[in-house]
Amino acid sequence: DIARVLAECPEPRVLVTTPVHLRVMLESQQNFPRLAAL
């Protein structure tokens, strides 16, 4: 869902998140759209 919402937004994109969500995203190996910053 994070990847989908990011893809629906134009670049440059910034992701506002937490350590818990970061760990889950890294473990998922999901393909995410390009980010400018976190």
PDB file of all heavy atoms in Angstrom:
ATOM      1  N   ASP A   1       0.829  -1.206   0.000  1.00  0.00           N
ATOM      2  CA  ASP A   1       0.000   0.000   0.000  1.00  0.00           C
ATOM      3  C   ASP A   1       0.864   1.257   0.000  1.00  0.00           C
ATOM      4  O   ASP A   1       0.533   2.264  -0.640  1.00  0.00           O
ATOM      5  CB  ASP A   1      -0.939   0.011   1.209  1.00  0.00           C
ATOM      6  CG  ASP A   1      -1.979  -1.086   1.144  1.00  0.00           C
ATOM      7  OD1 ASP A   1      -2.397  -1.435   0.023  1.00  0.00           O
ATOM      8  OD2 ASP A   1      -2.365  -1.599   2.201  1.00  0.00           O
ATOM      9  N   ILE A   2       1.970   1.212   0.735  1.00  0.00           N
ATOM     10  CA  ILE A   2       2.884   2.354   0.748  1.00  0.00           C
ATOM     11  C   ILE A   2       3.431   2.597  -0.657  1.00  0.00           C
ATOM     12  O   ILE A   2       3.478   3.737  -1.139  1.00  0.00           O
ATOM     13  CB  ILE A   2       4.040   2.111   1.746  1.00  0.00           C
ATOM     14  CG1 ILE A   2       3.498   1.987   3.177  1.00  0.00           C
ATOM     15  CG2 ILE A   2       5.070   3.237   1.664  1.00  0.00           C
ATOM     16  CD1 ILE A   2       4.526   1.531   4.186  1.00  0.00           C
ATOM     17  N   ALA A   3       3.829   1.519  -1.341  1.00  0.00           N
ATOM     18  CA  ALA A   3       4.348   1.637  -2.702  1.00  0.00           C
ATOM     19  C   ALA A   3       3.285   2.191  -3.646  1.00  0.00           C
ATOM     20  O   ALA A   3       3.576   3.028  -4.509  1.00  0.00           O
ATOM     21  CB  ALA A   3       4.845   0.278  -3.195  1.00  0.00           C
ATOM     22  N   ARG A   4       2.052   1.728  -3.474  1.00  0.00           N
ATOM     23  CA  ARG A   4       0.964   2.195  -4.354  1.00  0.00           C
ATOM     24  C   ARG A   4       0.697   3.684  -4.165  1.00  0.00           C
ATOM     25  O   ARG A   4       0.587   4.432  -5.142  1.00  0.00           O
ATOM     26  CB  ARG A   4      -0.313   1.401  -4.061  1.00  0.00           C
ATOM     27  CG  ARG A   4      -1.552   1.912  -4.806  1.00  0.00           C
ATOM     28  CD  ARG A   4      -2.795   1.136  -4.426  1.00  0.00           C
ATOM     29  NE  ARG A   4      -3.010   1.097  -2.994  1.00  0.00           N
ATOM     30  CZ  ARG A   4      -3.542   2.109  -2.297  1.00  0.00           C
ATOM     31  NH1 ARG A   4      -3.888   3.231  -2.911  1.00  0.00           N
ATOM     32  NH2 ARG A   4      -3.723   1.994  -0.984  1.00  0.00           N
ATOM     33  N   VAL A   5       0.608   4.146  -2.922  1.00  0.00           N
ATOM     34  CA  VAL A   5       0.331   5.566  -2.672  1.00  0.00           C
ATOM     35  C   VAL A   5       1.485   6.437  -3.167  1.00  0.00           C
ATOM     36  O   VAL A   5       1.273   7.502  -3.747  1.00  0.00           O
ATOM     37  CB  VAL A   5       0.057   5.806  -1.175  1.00  0.00           C
ATOM     38  CG1 VAL A   5      -0.099   7.294  -0.889  1.00  0.00           C
ATOM     39  CG2 VAL A   5      -1.195   5.056  -0.740  1.00  0.00           C
ATOM     40  N   LEU A   6       2.703   5.973  -2.952  1.00  0.00           N
ATOM     41  CA  LEU A   6       3.862   6.716  -3.479  1.00  0.00           C
ATOM     42  C   LEU A   6       3.775   6.834  -4.991  1.00  0.00           C
ATOM     43  O   LEU A   6       4.042   7.902  -5.559  1.00  0.00           O
ATOM     44  CB  LEU A   6       5.162   6.021  -3.074  1.00  0.00           C
ATOM     45  CG  LEU A   6       5.624   6.188  -1.623  1.00  0.00           C
ATOM     46  CD1 LEU A   6       6.749   5.214  -1.307  1.00  0.00           C
ATOM     47  CD2 LEU A   6       6.070   7.626  -1.357  1.00  0.00           C
ATOM     48  N   ALA A   7       3.396   5.747  -5.674  1.00  0.00           N
ATOM     49  CA  ALA A   7       3.319   5.760  -7.134  1.00  0.00           C
ATOM     50  C   ALA A   7       2.235   6.707  -7.634  1.00  0.00           C
ATOM     51  O   ALA A   7       2.331   7.220  -8.756  1.00  0.00           O
ATOM     52  CB  ALA A   7       3.056   4.344  -7.653  1.00  0.00           C
ATOM     53  N   GLU A   8       1.206   6.949  -6.813  1.00  0.00           N
ATOM     54  CA  GLU A   8       0.129   7.846  -7.206  1.00  0.00           C
ATOM     55  C   GLU A   8       0.490   9.315  -7.038  1.00  0.00           C
ATOM     56  O   GLU A   8      -0.269  10.192  -7.461  1.00  0.00           O
ATOM     57  CB  GLU A   8      -1.131   7.532  -6.385  1.00  0.00           C
ATOM     58  CG  GLU A   8      -1.752   6.184  -6.720  1.00  0.00           C
ATOM     59  CD  GLU A   8      -2.886   5.807  -5.787  1.00  0.00           C
ATOM     60  OE1 GLU A   8      -3.012   6.454  -4.720  1.00  0.00           O
ATOM     61  OE2 GLU A   8      -3.634   4.862  -6.117  1.00  0.00           O
ATOM     62  N   CYS A   9       1.645   9.580  -6.439  1.00  0.00           N
ATOM     63  CA  CYS A   9       2.103  10.959  -6.219  1.00  0.00           C
ATOM     64  C   CYS A   9       3.250  11.275  -7.179  1.00  0.00           C
ATOM     65  O   CYS A   9       4.048  10.402  -7.516  1.00  0.00           O
ATOM     66  CB  CYS A   9       2.576  11.146  -4.781  1.00  0.00           C
ATOM     67  SG  CYS A   9       1.268  10.927  -3.558  1.00  0.00           S
ATOM     68  N   PRO A  10       3.372  12.527  -7.585  1.00  0.00           N
ATOM     69  CA  PRO A  10       4.458  12.889  -8.498  1.00  0.00           C
ATOM     70  C   PRO A  10       5.791  13.011  -7.765  1.00  0.00           C
ATOM     71  O   PRO A  10       5.834  13.162  -6.542  1.00  0.00           O
ATOM     72  CB  PRO A  10       4.001  14.247  -9.032  1.00  0.00           C
ATOM     73  CG  PRO A  10       3.199  14.838  -7.912  1.00  0.00           C
ATOM     74  CD  PRO A  10       2.485  13.673  -7.286  1.00  0.00           C
ATOM     75  N   GLU A  11       6.863  12.907  -8.498  1.00  0.00           N
ATOM     76  CA  GLU A  11       8.189  13.181  -7.932  1.00  0.00           C
ATOM     77  C   GLU A  11       8.373  14.692  -7.821  1.00  0.00           C
ATOM     78  O   GLU A  11       7.756  15.457  -8.549  1.00  0.00           O
ATOM     79  CB  GLU A  11       9.276  12.592  -8.827  1.00  0.00           C
ATOM     80  CG  GLU A  11       9.267  11.060  -8.893  1.00  0.00           C
ATOM     81  CD  GLU A  11      10.493  10.523  -9.598  1.00  0.00           C
ATOM     82  OE1 GLU A  11      11.565  10.522  -8.969  1.00  0.00           O
ATOM     83  OE2 GLU A  11      10.375  10.153 -10.775  1.00  0.00           O
ATOM     84  N   PRO A  12       9.288  15.069  -6.876  1.00  0.00           N
ATOM     85  CA  PRO A  12      10.020  14.277  -5.889  1.00  0.00           C
ATOM     86  C   PRO A  12       9.141  13.933  -4.691  1.00  0.00           C
ATOM     87  O   PRO A  12       8.314  14.725  -4.252  1.00  0.00           O
ATOM     88  CB  PRO A  12      11.168  15.202  -5.481  1.00  0.00           C
ATOM     89  CG  PRO A  12      10.650  16.589  -5.724  1.00  0.00           C
ATOM     90  CD  PRO A  12       9.716  16.493  -6.896  1.00  0.00           C
ATOM     91  N   ARG A  13       9.324  12.711  -4.187  1.00  0.00           N
ATOM     92  CA  ARG A  13       8.501  12.198  -3.098  1.00  0.00           C
ATOM     93  C   ARG A  13       9.321  12.085  -1.810  1.00  0.00           C
ATOM     94  O   ARG A  13      10.504  11.756  -1.840  1.00  0.00           O
ATOM     95  CB  ARG A  13       7.958  10.812  -3.442  1.00  0.00           C
ATOM     96  CG  ARG A  13       7.306  10.685  -4.809  1.00  0.00           C
ATOM     97  CD  ARG A  13       6.912   9.247  -5.070  1.00  0.00           C
ATOM     98  NE  ARG A  13       6.425   9.031  -6.436  1.00  0.00           N
ATOM     99  CZ  ARG A  13       7.186   8.643  -7.449  1.00  0.00           C
ATOM    100  NH1 ARG A  13       8.486   8.417  -7.244  1.00  0.00           N
ATOM    101  NH2 ARG A  13       6.662   8.459  -8.648  1.00  0.00           N
ATOM    102  N   VAL A  14       8.638  12.347  -0.688  1.00  0.00           N
ATOM    103  CA  VAL A  14       9.260  12.219   0.633  1.00  0.00           C
ATOM    104  C   VAL A  14       8.404  11.287   1.466  1.00  0.00           C
ATOM    105  O   VAL A  14       7.182  11.454   1.540  1.00  0.00           O
ATOM    106  CB  VAL A  14       9.382  13.594   1.330  1.00  0.00           C
ATOM    107  CG1 VAL A  14       9.953  13.427   2.732  1.00  0.00           C
ATOM    108  CG2 VAL A  14      10.255  14.532   0.510  1.00  0.00           C
ATOM    109  N   LEU A  15       9.025  10.296   2.099  1.00  0.00           N
ATOM    110  CA  LEU A  15       8.300   9.342   2.930  1.00  0.00           C
ATOM    111  C   LEU A  15       8.516   9.680   4.401  1.00  0.00           C
ATOM    112  O   LEU A  15       9.651   9.743   4.877  1.00  0.00           O
ATOM    113  CB  LEU A  15       8.774   7.915   2.644  1.00  0.00           C
ATOM    114  CG  LEU A  15       8.057   6.799   3.416  1.00  0.00           C
ATOM    115  CD1 LEU A  15       6.568   6.778   3.088  1.00  0.00           C
ATOM    116  CD2 LEU A  15       8.688   5.444   3.108  1.00  0.00           C
ATOM    117  N   VAL A  16       7.419   9.906   5.112  1.00  0.00           N
ATOM    118  CA  VAL A  16       7.440  10.204   6.544  1.00  0.00           C
ATOM    119  C   VAL A  16       7.030   8.935   7.272  1.00  0.00           C
ATOM    120  O   VAL A  16       5.899   8.480   7.153  1.00  0.00           O
ATOM    121  CB  VAL A  16       6.468  11.357   6.875  1.00  0.00           C
ATOM    122  CG1 VAL A  16       6.494  11.679   8.371  1.00  0.00           C
ATOM    123  CG2 VAL A  16       6.816  12.600   6.066  1.00  0.00           C
ATOM    124  N   THR A  17       7.938   8.343   8.053  1.00  0.00           N
ATOM    125  CA  THR A  17       7.670   7.013   8.586  1.00  0.00           C
ATOM    126  C   THR A  17       8.332   6.826   9.948  1.00  0.00           C
ATOM    127  O   THR A  17       8.768   7.800  10.592  1.00  0.00           O
ATOM    128  CB  THR A  17       8.108   5.943   7.571  1.00  0.00           C
ATOM    129  OG1 THR A  17       7.642   4.666   7.977  1.00  0.00           O
ATOM    130  CG2 THR A  17       9.616   5.939   7.369  1.00  0.00           C
ATOM    131  N   THR A  18       8.428   5.570  10.392  1.00  0.00           N
ATOM    132  CA  THR A  18       8.984   5.223  11.698  1.00  0.00           C
ATOM    133  C   THR A  18       9.971   4.075  11.550  1.00  0.00           C
ATOM    134  O   THR A  18       9.973   3.380  10.524  1.00  0.00           O
ATOM    135  CB  THR A  18       7.869   4.780  12.666  1.00  0.00           C
ATOM    136  OG1 THR A  18       7.343   3.516  12.221  1.00  0.00           O
ATOM    137  CG2 THR A  18       6.745   5.805  12.721  1.00  0.00           C
ATOM    138  N   PRO A  19      10.813   3.819  12.568  1.00  0.00           N
ATOM    139  CA  PRO A  19      11.733   2.677  12.482  1.00  0.00           C
ATOM    140  C   PRO A  19      11.008   1.349  12.278  1.00  0.00           C
ATOM    141  O   PRO A  19      11.496   0.483  11.551  1.00  0.00           O
ATOM    142  CB  PRO A  19      12.458   2.718  13.836  1.00  0.00           C
ATOM    143  CG  PRO A  19      12.429   4.156  14.227  1.00  0.00           C
ATOM    144  CD  PRO A  19      11.096   4.664  13.749  1.00  0.00           C
ATOM    145  N   VAL A  20       9.847   1.172  12.912  1.00  0.00           N
ATOM    146  CA  VAL A  20       9.107  -0.084  12.752  1.00  0.00           C
ATOM    147  C   VAL A  20       8.679  -0.278  11.304  1.00  0.00           C
ATOM    148  O   VAL A  20       8.857  -1.357  10.715  1.00  0.00           O
ATOM    149  CB  VAL A  20       7.875  -0.108  13.683  1.00  0.00           C
ATOM    150  CG1 VAL A  20       6.990  -1.309  13.374  1.00  0.00           C
ATOM    151  CG2 VAL A  20       8.318  -0.143  15.135  1.00  0.00           C
ATOM    152  N   HIS A  21       8.108   0.763  10.691  1.00  0.00           N
ATOM    153  CA  HIS A  21       7.692   0.656   9.294  1.00  0.00           C
ATOM    154  C   HIS A  21       8.893   0.476   8.368  1.00  0.00           C
ATOM    155  O   HIS A  21       8.821  -0.268   7.383  1.00  0.00           O
ATOM    156  CB  HIS A  21       6.906   1.900   8.885  1.00  0.00           C
ATOM    157  CG  HIS A  21       5.459   1.833   9.257  1.00  0.00           C
ATOM    158  ND1 HIS A  21       4.901   2.668  10.200  1.00  0.00           N
ATOM    159  CD2 HIS A  21       4.459   1.023   8.836  1.00  0.00           C
ATOM    160  CE1 HIS A  21       3.617   2.380  10.325  1.00  0.00           C
ATOM    161  NE2 HIS A  21       3.328   1.386   9.523  1.00  0.00           N
ATOM    162  N   LEU A  22       9.992   1.142   8.675  1.00  0.00           N
ATOM    163  CA  LEU A  22      11.192   0.985   7.849  1.00  0.00           C
ATOM    164  C   LEU A  22      11.652  -0.466   7.840  1.00  0.00           C
ATOM    165  O   LEU A  22      11.977  -1.024   6.784  1.00  0.00           O
ATOM    166  CB  LEU A  22      12.313   1.883   8.378  1.00  0.00           C
ATOM    167  CG  LEU A  22      12.318   3.341   7.937  1.00  0.00           C
ATOM    168  CD1 LEU A  22      13.418   4.105   8.652  1.00  0.00           C
ATOM    169  CD2 LEU A  22      12.500   3.451   6.424  1.00  0.00           C
ATOM    170  N   ARG A  23      11.669  -1.067   9.018  1.00  0.00           N
ATOM    171  CA  ARG A  23      12.138  -2.458   9.111  1.00  0.00           C
ATOM    172  C   ARG A  23      11.229  -3.392   8.315  1.00  0.00           C
ATOM    173  O   ARG A  23      11.698  -4.273   7.587  1.00  0.00           O
ATOM    174  CB  ARG A  23      12.183  -2.873  10.586  1.00  0.00           C
ATOM    175  CG  ARG A  23      12.934  -4.171  10.833  1.00  0.00           C
ATOM    176  CD  ARG A  23      13.054  -4.486  12.310  1.00  0.00           C
ATOM    177  NE  ARG A  23      13.820  -3.462  13.018  1.00  0.00           N
ATOM    178  CZ  ARG A  23      13.308  -2.632  13.916  1.00  0.00           C
ATOM    179  NH1 ARG A  23      12.026  -2.683  14.211  1.00  0.00           N
ATOM    180  NH2 ARG A  23      14.074  -1.759  14.513  1.00  0.00           N
ATOM    181  N   VAL A  24       9.918  -3.168   8.408  1.00  0.00           N
ATOM    182  CA  VAL A  24       8.965  -4.012   7.672  1.00  0.00           C
ATOM    183  C   VAL A  24       9.136  -3.826   6.168  1.00  0.00           C
ATOM    184  O   VAL A  24       9.099  -4.792   5.401  1.00  0.00           O
ATOM    185  CB  VAL A  24       7.519  -3.680   8.107  1.00  0.00           C
ATOM    186  CG1 VAL A  24       6.513  -4.381   7.197  1.00  0.00           C
ATOM    187  CG2 VAL A  24       7.296  -4.091   9.557  1.00  0.00           C
ATOM    188  N   MET A  25       9.324  -2.584   5.725  1.00  0.00           N
ATOM    189  CA  MET A  25       9.498  -2.326   4.293  1.00  0.00           C
ATOM    190  C   MET A  25      10.765  -2.986   3.760  1.00  0.00           C
ATOM    191  O   MET A  25      10.766  -3.562   2.668  1.00  0.00           O
ATOM    192  CB  MET A  25       9.521  -0.813   4.034  1.00  0.00           C
ATOM    193  CG  MET A  25       8.147  -0.153   4.102  1.00  0.00           C
ATOM    194  SD  MET A  25       8.176   1.599   3.616  1.00  0.00           S
ATOM    195  CE  MET A  25       8.864   2.345   5.099  1.00  0.00           C
ATOM    196  N   LEU A  26      11.847  -2.922   4.521  1.00  0.00           N
ATOM    197  CA  LEU A  26      13.099  -3.526   4.076  1.00  0.00           C
ATOM    198  C   LEU A  26      12.965  -5.046   3.980  1.00  0.00           C
ATOM    199  O   LEU A  26      13.481  -5.663   3.048  1.00  0.00           O
ATOM    200  CB  LEU A  26      14.229  -3.149   5.039  1.00  0.00           C
ATOM    201  CG  LEU A  26      14.635  -1.671   5.074  1.00  0.00           C
ATOM    202  CD1 LEU A  26      15.740  -1.443   6.097  1.00  0.00           C
ATOM    203  CD2 LEU A  26      15.083  -1.190   3.706  1.00  0.00           C
ATOM    204  N   GLU A  27      12.277  -5.644   4.947  1.00  0.00           N
ATOM    205  CA  GLU A  27      12.133  -7.096   4.946  1.00  0.00           C
ATOM    206  C   GLU A  27      11.189  -7.581   3.853  1.00  0.00           C
ATOM    207  O   GLU A  27      11.298  -8.710   3.390  1.00  0.00           O
ATOM    208  CB  GLU A  27      11.635  -7.559   6.322  1.00  0.00           C
ATOM    209  CG  GLU A  27      12.672  -7.390   7.422  1.00  0.00           C
ATOM    210  CD  GLU A  27      12.110  -7.643   8.801  1.00  0.00           C
ATOM    211  OE1 GLU A  27      10.868  -7.815   8.906  1.00  0.00           O
ATOM    212  OE2 GLU A  27      12.890  -7.663   9.768  1.00  0.00           O
ATOM    213  N   SER A  28      10.273  -6.698   3.415  1.00  0.00           N
ATOM    214  CA  SER A  28       9.305  -7.100   2.393  1.00  0.00           C
ATOM    215  C   SER A  28       9.927  -7.255   1.018  1.00  0.00           C
ATOM    216  O   SER A  28       9.420  -7.997   0.174  1.00  0.00           O
ATOM    217  CB  SER A  28       8.185  -6.062   2.316  1.00  0.00           C
ATOM    218  OG  SER A  28       8.630  -4.874   1.668  1.00  0.00           O
ATOM    219  N   GLN A  29      11.009  -6.521   0.758  1.00  0.00           N
ATOM    220  CA  GLN A  29      11.647  -6.496  -0.562  1.00  0.00           C
ATOM    221  C   GLN A  29      10.679  -6.035  -1.653  1.00  0.00           C
ATOM    222  O   GLN A  29      10.818  -6.382  -2.826  1.00  0.00           O
ATOM    223  CB  GLN A  29      12.231  -7.870  -0.903  1.00  0.00           C
ATOM    224  CG  GLN A  29      13.417  -8.265  -0.037  1.00  0.00           C
ATOM    225  CD  GLN A  29      14.589  -7.315  -0.161  1.00  0.00           C
ATOM    226  OE1 GLN A  29      15.035  -6.984  -1.257  1.00  0.00           O
ATOM    227  NE2 GLN A  29      15.096  -6.832   0.967  1.00  0.00           N
ATOM    228  N   GLN A  30       9.691  -5.248  -1.231  1.00  0.00           N
ATOM    229  CA  GLN A  30       8.747  -4.644  -2.170  1.00  0.00           C
ATOM    230  C   GLN A  30       9.491  -3.644  -3.055  1.00  0.00           C
ATOM    231  O   GLN A  30      10.436  -2.989  -2.612  1.00  0.00           O
ATOM    232  CB  GLN A  30       7.644  -3.927  -1.371  1.00  0.00           C
ATOM    233  CG  GLN A  30       6.693  -3.069  -2.180  1.00  0.00           C
ATOM    234  CD  GLN A  30       5.655  -3.901  -2.897  1.00  0.00           C
ATOM    235  OE1 GLN A  30       5.150  -4.866  -2.365  1.00  0.00           O
ATOM    236  NE2 GLN A  30       5.334  -3.511  -4.115  1.00  0.00           N
ATOM    237  N   ASN A  31       9.070  -3.515  -4.307  1.00  0.00           N
ATOM    238  CA  ASN A  31       9.628  -2.477  -5.179  1.00  0.00           C
ATOM    239  C   ASN A  31       8.910  -1.167  -4.893  1.00  0.00           C
ATOM    240  O   ASN A  31       7.682  -1.093  -4.997  1.00  0.00           O
ATOM    241  CB  ASN A  31       9.452  -2.855  -6.650  1.00  0.00           C
ATOM    242  CG  ASN A  31      10.361  -4.008  -7.048  1.00  0.00           C
ATOM    243  OD1 ASN A  31      11.498  -4.087  -6.583  1.00  0.00           O
ATOM    244  ND2 ASN A  31       9.858  -4.899  -7.884  1.00  0.00           N
ATOM    245  N   PHE A  32       9.672  -0.137  -4.535  1.00  0.00           N
ATOM    246  CA  PHE A  32       9.105   1.158  -4.200  1.00  0.00           C
ATOM    247  C   PHE A  32       9.497   2.191  -5.247  1.00  0.00           C
ATOM    248  O   PHE A  32      10.610   2.141  -5.804  1.00  0.00           O
ATOM    249  CB  PHE A  32       9.594   1.633  -2.829  1.00  0.00           C
ATOM    250  CG  PHE A  32       9.058   0.831  -1.680  1.00  0.00           C
ATOM    251  CD1 PHE A  32       9.754  -0.278  -1.205  1.00  0.00           C
ATOM    252  CD2 PHE A  32       7.860   1.165  -1.078  1.00  0.00           C
ATOM    253  CE1 PHE A  32       9.267  -1.032  -0.154  1.00  0.00           C
ATOM    254  CE2 PHE A  32       7.359   0.416  -0.028  1.00  0.00           C
ATOM    255  CZ  PHE A  32       8.059  -0.681   0.436  1.00  0.00           C
ATOM    256  N   PRO A  33       8.615   3.141  -5.531  1.00  0.00           N
ATOM    257  CA  PRO A  33       8.980   4.253  -6.423  1.00  0.00           C
ATOM    258  C   PRO A  33      10.143   5.053  -5.843  1.00  0.00           C
ATOM    259  O   PRO A  33      10.419   4.994  -4.636  1.00  0.00           O
ATOM    260  CB  PRO A  33       7.706   5.099  -6.478  1.00  0.00           C
ATOM    261  CG  PRO A  33       6.611   4.172  -6.101  1.00  0.00           C
ATOM    262  CD  PRO A  33       7.212   3.224  -5.105  1.00  0.00           C
ATOM    263  N   ARG A  34      10.793   5.802  -6.678  1.00  0.00           N
ATOM    264  CA  ARG A  34      11.971   6.569  -6.272  1.00  0.00           C
ATOM    265  C   ARG A  34      11.598   7.642  -5.253  1.00  0.00           C
ATOM    266  O   ARG A  34      10.576   8.325  -5.373  1.00  0.00           O
ATOM    267  CB  ARG A  34      12.611   7.211  -7.498  1.00  0.00           C
ATOM    268  CG  ARG A  34      13.922   7.936  -7.209  1.00  0.00           C
ATOM    269  CD  ARG A  34      14.673   8.209  -8.476  1.00  0.00           C
ATOM    270  NE  ARG A  34      13.847   8.940  -9.443  1.00  0.00           N
ATOM    271  CZ  ARG A  34      14.247   9.220 -10.678  1.00  0.00           C
ATOM    272  NH1 ARG A  34      15.440   8.818 -11.092  1.00  0.00           N
ATOM    273  NH2 ARG A  34      13.457   9.892 -11.494  1.00  0.00           N
ATOM    274  N   LEU A  35      12.445   7.793  -4.222  1.00  0.00           N
ATOM    275  CA  LEU A  35      12.236   8.793  -3.179  1.00  0.00           C
ATOM    276  C   LEU A  35      13.329   9.851  -3.237  1.00  0.00           C
ATOM    277  O   LEU A  35      14.468   9.574  -3.633  1.00  0.00           O
ATOM    278  CB  LEU A  35      12.251   8.150  -1.792  1.00  0.00           C
ATOM    279  CG  LEU A  35      11.162   7.123  -1.466  1.00  0.00           C
ATOM    280  CD1 LEU A  35      11.371   6.582  -0.058  1.00  0.00           C
ATOM    281  CD2 LEU A  35       9.787   7.749  -1.595  1.00  0.00           C
ATOM    282  N   ALA A  36      12.958  11.064  -2.810  1.00  0.00           N
ATOM    283  CA  ALA A  36      13.940  12.133  -2.679  1.00  0.00           C
ATOM    284  C   ALA A  36      14.533  12.163  -1.273  1.00  0.00           C
ATOM    285  O   ALA A  36      15.680  12.581  -1.084  1.00  0.00           O
ATOM    286  CB  ALA A  36      13.298  13.478  -2.996  1.00  0.00           C
ATOM    287  N   ALA A  37      13.741  11.726  -0.277  1.00  0.00           N
ATOM    288  CA  ALA A  37      14.201  11.733   1.116  1.00  0.00           C
ATOM    289  C   ALA A  37      13.253  10.911   1.969  1.00  0.00           C
ATOM    290  O   ALA A  37      12.116  10.624   1.577  1.00  0.00           O
ATOM    291  CB  ALA A  37      14.291  13.164   1.644  1.00  0.00           C
ATOM    292  N   LEU A  38      13.744  10.515   3.144  1.00  0.00           N
ATOM    293  CA  LEU A  38      12.920   9.842   4.145  1.00  0.00           C
ATOM    294  C   LEU A  38      13.058  10.585   5.463  1.00  0.00           C
ATOM    295  O   LEU A  38      14.114  11.162   5.755  1.00  0.00           O
ATOM    296  CB  LEU A  38      13.358   8.396   4.369  1.00  0.00           C
ATOM    297  CG  LEU A  38      13.318   7.418   3.213  1.00  0.00           C
ATOM    298  CD1 LEU A  38      14.713   7.224   2.630  1.00  0.00           C
ATOM    299  CD2 LEU A  38      12.775   6.068   3.684  1.00  0.00           C
TER     300      LEU A  38
END
